[in-house]
Each structure stands twice: as C-alpha cells, then as structure tokens.
Amino acid sequence: MSTNATQNEWPLWEVFVRNKAGLDHKHCGSLHAADSKMALQMARDVYTRRQEGTSIWVVLSSQIVASDPGEKGMYFDPMEDKIYRHPTFYELPDALNHM
C-alpha cells in the first residue's frame, strides 16, 4: 500500500456489542470510519442486523493498550512473594468443605 493511500484511509475502530442476554460487551470486529458517530452507525448496520444488541461501543484501535503475550508470566502467573493471593492460611467452616 502506498504512503498516500495510508494517509487518506479512515481510522480503524474496534466494535463491541452487548447482547440482550448478557451484561458484558463482546468484541465483534473492526471497521474504518471517519469519526465516532459514523463508526457507531456503521457498527449498528454491520454487527446488529438482527437487532441482537442493546449497546454498542466503538473504540479507536490506536487508543487500545494491550499486554504483550510474550510477557504473560509477568501479568498472569501467581507471585510467590504475595501470600495473600493464595488462600492457604484461611480456615473454612466444615459446611464449606466442597470449596
């Protein structure tokens, strides 16, 4: 793609839709739009054709900050030096022995 085409391309937006059944928004896909209002309208037309949504979020892709999958351990592995994260020193009543 030429530099000229890249400069003239509308920004990329990520689309999230909340279904009637759920409380959380799910990522549906991406689209290019000139502004947030256009992105919402296009998201409605493309991702909620059967009236399956109750709410739509559009977020500029450039504004999303994500963790690096290569640094997974830093974010998701338990830290041994933080014992309060491990419930080993809690005593549960016998009625809760299934936990």
N, C-alpha and C. Protein backbone atom coordinates (compact mmCIF):
# COMPACT_ATOMS: atom_id res chain seq x y z
N MET A 1 0.85 -1.18 0.00
CA MET A 1 0.00 0.00 0.00
C MET A 1 0.89 1.23 0.00
N SER A 2 0.54 2.19 -0.79
CA SER A 2 1.37 3.39 -0.88
C SER A 2 1.15 4.28 0.33
N THR A 3 2.10 5.15 0.61
CA THR A 3 2.00 6.09 1.72
C THR A 3 0.81 7.01 1.54
N ASN A 4 0.52 7.42 0.31
CA ASN A 4 -0.60 8.31 0.02
C ASN A 4 -1.92 7.66 0.40
N ALA A 5 -2.11 6.37 0.06
CA ALA A 5 -3.35 5.67 0.39
C ALA A 5 -3.49 5.52 1.89
N THR A 6 -2.41 5.28 2.60
CA THR A 6 -2.44 5.14 4.05
C THR A 6 -2.87 6.44 4.72
N GLN A 7 -2.38 7.56 4.23
CA GLN A 7 -2.71 8.85 4.81
C GLN A 7 -4.18 9.21 4.58
N ASN A 8 -4.78 8.74 3.50
CA ASN A 8 -6.15 9.08 3.17
C ASN A 8 -7.17 8.08 3.73
N GLU A 9 -6.72 7.03 4.36
CA GLU A 9 -7.60 6.00 4.88
C GLU A 9 -8.21 6.45 6.20
N TRP A 10 -9.50 6.15 6.38
CA TRP A 10 -10.16 6.48 7.64
C TRP A 10 -9.56 5.65 8.77
N PRO A 11 -9.64 6.15 10.01
CA PRO A 11 -9.09 5.40 11.14
C PRO A 11 -9.84 4.09 11.38
N LEU A 12 -9.15 3.16 11.98
CA LEU A 12 -9.71 1.85 12.31
C LEU A 12 -10.37 1.90 13.69
N TRP A 13 -11.58 1.38 13.79
CA TRP A 13 -12.34 1.35 15.05
C TRP A 13 -12.62 -0.11 15.41
N GLU A 14 -12.54 -0.43 16.69
CA GLU A 14 -12.91 -1.75 17.19
C GLU A 14 -14.35 -1.66 17.70
N VAL A 15 -15.15 -2.68 17.42
CA VAL A 15 -16.57 -2.67 17.74
C VAL A 15 -16.88 -3.72 18.81
N PHE A 16 -17.60 -3.29 19.85
CA PHE A 16 -18.04 -4.17 20.93
C PHE A 16 -19.56 -4.05 21.05
N VAL A 17 -20.26 -5.19 21.15
CA VAL A 17 -21.72 -5.18 21.24
C VAL A 17 -22.14 -5.95 22.49
N ARG A 18 -23.12 -5.39 23.20
CA ARG A 18 -23.71 -6.08 24.35
C ARG A 18 -25.00 -6.74 23.88
N ASN A 19 -25.10 -8.06 24.06
CA ASN A 19 -26.30 -8.79 23.68
C ASN A 19 -27.41 -8.57 24.70
N LYS A 20 -28.61 -8.91 24.31
CA LYS A 20 -29.74 -8.81 25.24
C LYS A 20 -29.55 -9.73 26.44
N ALA A 21 -28.96 -10.90 26.20
CA ALA A 21 -28.83 -11.89 27.26
C ALA A 21 -27.71 -11.60 28.25
N GLY A 22 -26.70 -10.85 27.84
CA GLY A 22 -25.53 -10.68 28.69
C GLY A 22 -25.34 -9.26 29.17
N LEU A 23 -24.43 -9.11 30.12
CA LEU A 23 -24.12 -7.81 30.67
C LEU A 23 -22.81 -7.25 30.14
N ASP A 24 -22.00 -8.09 29.51
CA ASP A 24 -20.70 -7.63 29.05
C ASP A 24 -20.70 -7.40 27.54
N HIS A 25 -19.86 -6.52 27.11
CA HIS A 25 -19.71 -6.24 25.68
C HIS A 25 -18.71 -7.24 25.09
N LYS A 26 -19.01 -7.76 23.93
CA LYS A 26 -18.12 -8.71 23.24
C LYS A 26 -17.55 -8.04 21.99
N HIS A 27 -16.29 -8.30 21.74
CA HIS A 27 -15.67 -7.74 20.54
C HIS A 27 -16.25 -8.45 19.32
N CYS A 28 -16.75 -7.68 18.37
CA CYS A 28 -17.38 -8.23 17.17
C CYS A 28 -16.49 -8.13 15.94
N GLY A 29 -15.67 -7.09 15.90
CA GLY A 29 -14.83 -6.90 14.74
C GLY A 29 -14.33 -5.47 14.65
N SER A 30 -13.90 -5.10 13.46
CA SER A 30 -13.32 -3.78 13.23
C SER A 30 -13.93 -3.17 11.98
N LEU A 31 -13.84 -1.85 11.89
CA LEU A 31 -14.28 -1.14 10.70
C LEU A 31 -13.57 0.19 10.60
N HIS A 32 -13.54 0.73 9.39
CA HIS A 32 -12.96 2.05 9.16
C HIS A 32 -14.08 3.06 9.07
N ALA A 33 -13.93 4.20 9.77
CA ALA A 33 -14.93 5.27 9.74
C ALA A 33 -14.22 6.59 9.97
N ALA A 34 -14.84 7.66 9.49
CA ALA A 34 -14.24 8.99 9.59
C ALA A 34 -14.25 9.54 11.01
N ASP A 35 -15.31 9.21 11.79
CA ASP A 35 -15.42 9.72 13.16
C ASP A 35 -16.25 8.76 13.99
N SER A 36 -16.44 9.07 15.28
CA SER A 36 -17.12 8.16 16.19
C SER A 36 -18.60 7.99 15.83
N LYS A 37 -19.24 9.07 15.39
CA LYS A 37 -20.65 8.98 15.03
C LYS A 37 -20.84 8.03 13.84
N MET A 38 -20.00 8.19 12.83
CA MET A 38 -20.07 7.30 11.67
C MET A 38 -19.74 5.87 12.07
N ALA A 39 -18.77 5.69 12.96
CA ALA A 39 -18.38 4.35 13.41
C ALA A 39 -19.56 3.67 14.11
N LEU A 40 -20.28 4.40 14.95
CA LEU A 40 -21.46 3.83 15.63
C LEU A 40 -22.53 3.42 14.62
N GLN A 41 -22.80 4.28 13.68
CA GLN A 41 -23.83 3.96 12.67
C GLN A 41 -23.43 2.76 11.83
N MET A 42 -22.18 2.72 11.43
CA MET A 42 -21.71 1.59 10.62
C MET A 42 -21.69 0.30 11.44
N ALA A 43 -21.30 0.40 12.70
CA ALA A 43 -21.29 -0.78 13.57
C ALA A 43 -22.70 -1.33 13.74
N ARG A 44 -23.66 -0.43 13.91
CA ARG A 44 -25.06 -0.87 14.03
C ARG A 44 -25.47 -1.61 12.76
N ASP A 45 -25.16 -1.04 11.61
CA ASP A 45 -25.57 -1.64 10.34
C ASP A 45 -24.89 -2.98 10.07
N VAL A 46 -23.61 -3.07 10.44
CA VAL A 46 -22.85 -4.28 10.12
C VAL A 46 -23.00 -5.37 11.17
N TYR A 47 -23.00 -5.01 12.45
CA TYR A 47 -22.91 -6.03 13.51
C TYR A 47 -24.20 -6.28 14.28
N THR A 48 -25.26 -5.52 14.04
CA THR A 48 -26.52 -5.77 14.76
C THR A 48 -27.70 -5.80 13.77
N ARG A 49 -27.54 -6.49 12.68
CA ARG A 49 -28.57 -6.54 11.64
C ARG A 49 -29.86 -7.19 12.10
N ARG A 50 -29.79 -8.09 13.04
CA ARG A 50 -30.98 -8.80 13.51
C ARG A 50 -31.44 -8.30 14.87
N GLN A 51 -31.10 -7.09 15.21
CA GLN A 51 -31.49 -6.45 16.48
C GLN A 51 -31.04 -7.27 17.68
N GLU A 52 -29.86 -7.90 17.57
CA GLU A 52 -29.39 -8.74 18.68
C GLU A 52 -28.63 -7.97 19.75
N GLY A 53 -28.46 -6.68 19.60
CA GLY A 53 -27.69 -5.91 20.57
C GLY A 53 -28.54 -4.90 21.34
N THR A 54 -28.04 -4.53 22.50
CA THR A 54 -28.68 -3.48 23.30
C THR A 54 -27.76 -2.28 23.47
N SER A 55 -26.46 -2.46 23.20
CA SER A 55 -25.50 -1.38 23.36
C SER A 55 -24.30 -1.64 22.45
N ILE A 56 -23.76 -0.57 21.90
CA ILE A 56 -22.58 -0.68 21.03
C ILE A 56 -21.50 0.27 21.54
N TRP A 57 -20.28 -0.23 21.60
CA TRP A 57 -19.12 0.60 21.89
C TRP A 57 -18.24 0.60 20.64
N VAL A 58 -17.69 1.75 20.29
CA VAL A 58 -16.65 1.83 19.26
C VAL A 58 -15.45 2.53 19.88
N VAL A 59 -14.28 1.97 19.65
CA VAL A 59 -13.05 2.48 20.24
C VAL A 59 -12.00 2.56 19.14
N LEU A 60 -11.33 3.70 19.05
CA LEU A 60 -10.24 3.80 18.08
C LEU A 60 -9.20 2.72 18.39
N SER A 61 -8.84 1.95 17.40
CA SER A 61 -7.85 0.89 17.60
C SER A 61 -6.54 1.45 18.14
N SER A 62 -6.19 2.65 17.71
CA SER A 62 -4.94 3.26 18.15
C SER A 62 -4.96 3.63 19.63
N GLN A 63 -6.13 3.66 20.25
CA GLN A 63 -6.24 4.02 21.66
C GLN A 63 -6.25 2.82 22.60
N ILE A 64 -6.27 1.63 22.04
CA ILE A 64 -6.28 0.41 22.86
C ILE A 64 -4.85 0.07 23.25
N VAL A 65 -4.66 -0.16 24.53
CA VAL A 65 -3.35 -0.56 25.06
C VAL A 65 -3.50 -2.00 25.55
N ALA A 66 -2.62 -2.86 25.11
CA ALA A 66 -2.72 -4.28 25.45
C ALA A 66 -1.40 -4.81 25.98
N SER A 67 -1.50 -5.86 26.76
CA SER A 67 -0.29 -6.52 27.24
C SER A 67 0.32 -7.34 26.11
N ASP A 68 1.61 -7.57 26.21
CA ASP A 68 2.33 -8.37 25.22
C ASP A 68 2.21 -9.84 25.61
N PRO A 69 1.68 -10.69 24.70
CA PRO A 69 1.57 -12.12 25.04
C PRO A 69 2.89 -12.75 25.46
N GLY A 70 4.00 -12.20 25.01
CA GLY A 70 5.31 -12.72 25.41
C GLY A 70 5.64 -12.44 26.86
N GLU A 71 4.95 -11.48 27.47
CA GLU A 71 5.16 -11.14 28.88
C GLU A 71 4.02 -11.66 29.75
N LYS A 72 3.41 -12.75 29.32
CA LYS A 72 2.27 -13.34 30.01
C LYS A 72 2.56 -13.63 31.48
N GLY A 73 3.73 -14.16 31.76
CA GLY A 73 4.08 -14.52 33.12
C GLY A 73 4.03 -13.35 34.08
N MET A 74 4.47 -12.19 33.61
CA MET A 74 4.50 -11.01 34.46
C MET A 74 3.08 -10.59 34.89
N TYR A 75 2.09 -10.82 34.03
CA TYR A 75 0.73 -10.38 34.32
C TYR A 75 -0.15 -11.45 34.94
N PHE A 76 0.06 -12.72 34.57
CA PHE A 76 -0.91 -13.74 34.93
C PHE A 76 -0.40 -14.85 35.85
N ASP A 77 0.90 -15.06 35.94
CA ASP A 77 1.41 -16.10 36.83
C ASP A 77 1.30 -15.62 38.27
N PRO A 78 0.94 -16.52 39.19
CA PRO A 78 0.86 -16.10 40.60
C PRO A 78 2.24 -15.73 41.14
N MET A 79 2.26 -14.76 41.99
CA MET A 79 3.52 -14.34 42.58
C MET A 79 3.68 -15.01 43.93
N GLU A 80 4.77 -15.73 44.08
CA GLU A 80 5.01 -16.48 45.31
C GLU A 80 5.24 -15.57 46.51
N ASP A 81 5.71 -14.35 46.28
CA ASP A 81 6.00 -13.46 47.40
C ASP A 81 4.76 -12.72 47.91
N LYS A 82 3.60 -12.96 47.32
CA LYS A 82 2.36 -12.32 47.76
C LYS A 82 1.42 -13.41 48.26
N ILE A 83 1.66 -13.84 49.48
CA ILE A 83 0.91 -14.99 50.00
C ILE A 83 -0.58 -14.70 50.18
N TYR A 84 -0.94 -13.44 50.27
CA TYR A 84 -2.35 -13.13 50.43
C TYR A 84 -3.16 -13.50 49.18
N ARG A 85 -2.48 -13.76 48.08
CA ARG A 85 -3.18 -14.20 46.87
C ARG A 85 -3.52 -15.68 46.92
N HIS A 86 -2.92 -16.41 47.84
CA HIS A 86 -3.15 -17.84 47.97
C HIS A 86 -3.93 -18.09 49.25
N PRO A 87 -5.11 -18.67 49.15
CA PRO A 87 -5.97 -18.84 50.34
C PRO A 87 -5.56 -20.01 51.22
N THR A 88 -4.28 -20.32 51.33
CA THR A 88 -3.85 -21.50 52.09
C THR A 88 -3.93 -21.29 53.60
N PHE A 89 -3.95 -20.06 54.08
CA PHE A 89 -3.96 -19.85 55.53
C PHE A 89 -5.34 -19.51 56.06
N TYR A 90 -6.37 -19.59 55.21
CA TYR A 90 -7.74 -19.37 55.67
C TYR A 90 -8.33 -20.68 56.16
N GLU A 91 -9.08 -20.61 57.23
CA GLU A 91 -9.78 -21.80 57.72
C GLU A 91 -11.25 -21.67 57.37
N LEU A 92 -11.75 -22.63 56.61
CA LEU A 92 -13.14 -22.62 56.20
C LEU A 92 -13.97 -23.49 57.12
N PRO A 93 -15.20 -23.11 57.35
CA PRO A 93 -16.09 -23.97 58.15
C PRO A 93 -16.31 -25.28 57.44
N ASP A 94 -16.65 -26.34 58.21
CA ASP A 94 -16.88 -27.65 57.62
C ASP A 94 -18.00 -27.64 56.59
N ALA A 95 -18.96 -26.74 56.75
CA ALA A 95 -20.07 -26.66 55.80
C ALA A 95 -19.61 -26.26 54.40
N LEU A 96 -18.43 -25.69 54.31
CA LEU A 96 -17.88 -25.26 53.02
C LEU A 96 -16.77 -26.16 52.52
N ASN A 97 -16.78 -27.40 52.93
CA ASN A 97 -15.66 -28.29 52.57
C ASN A 97 -15.60 -28.62 51.08
N HIS A 98 -16.61 -28.26 50.32
CA HIS A 98 -16.59 -28.54 48.89
C HIS A 98 -15.79 -27.51 48.09
N MET A 99 -15.28 -26.48 48.74
CA MET A 99 -14.54 -25.43 48.02
C MET A 99 -13.09 -25.81 47.88
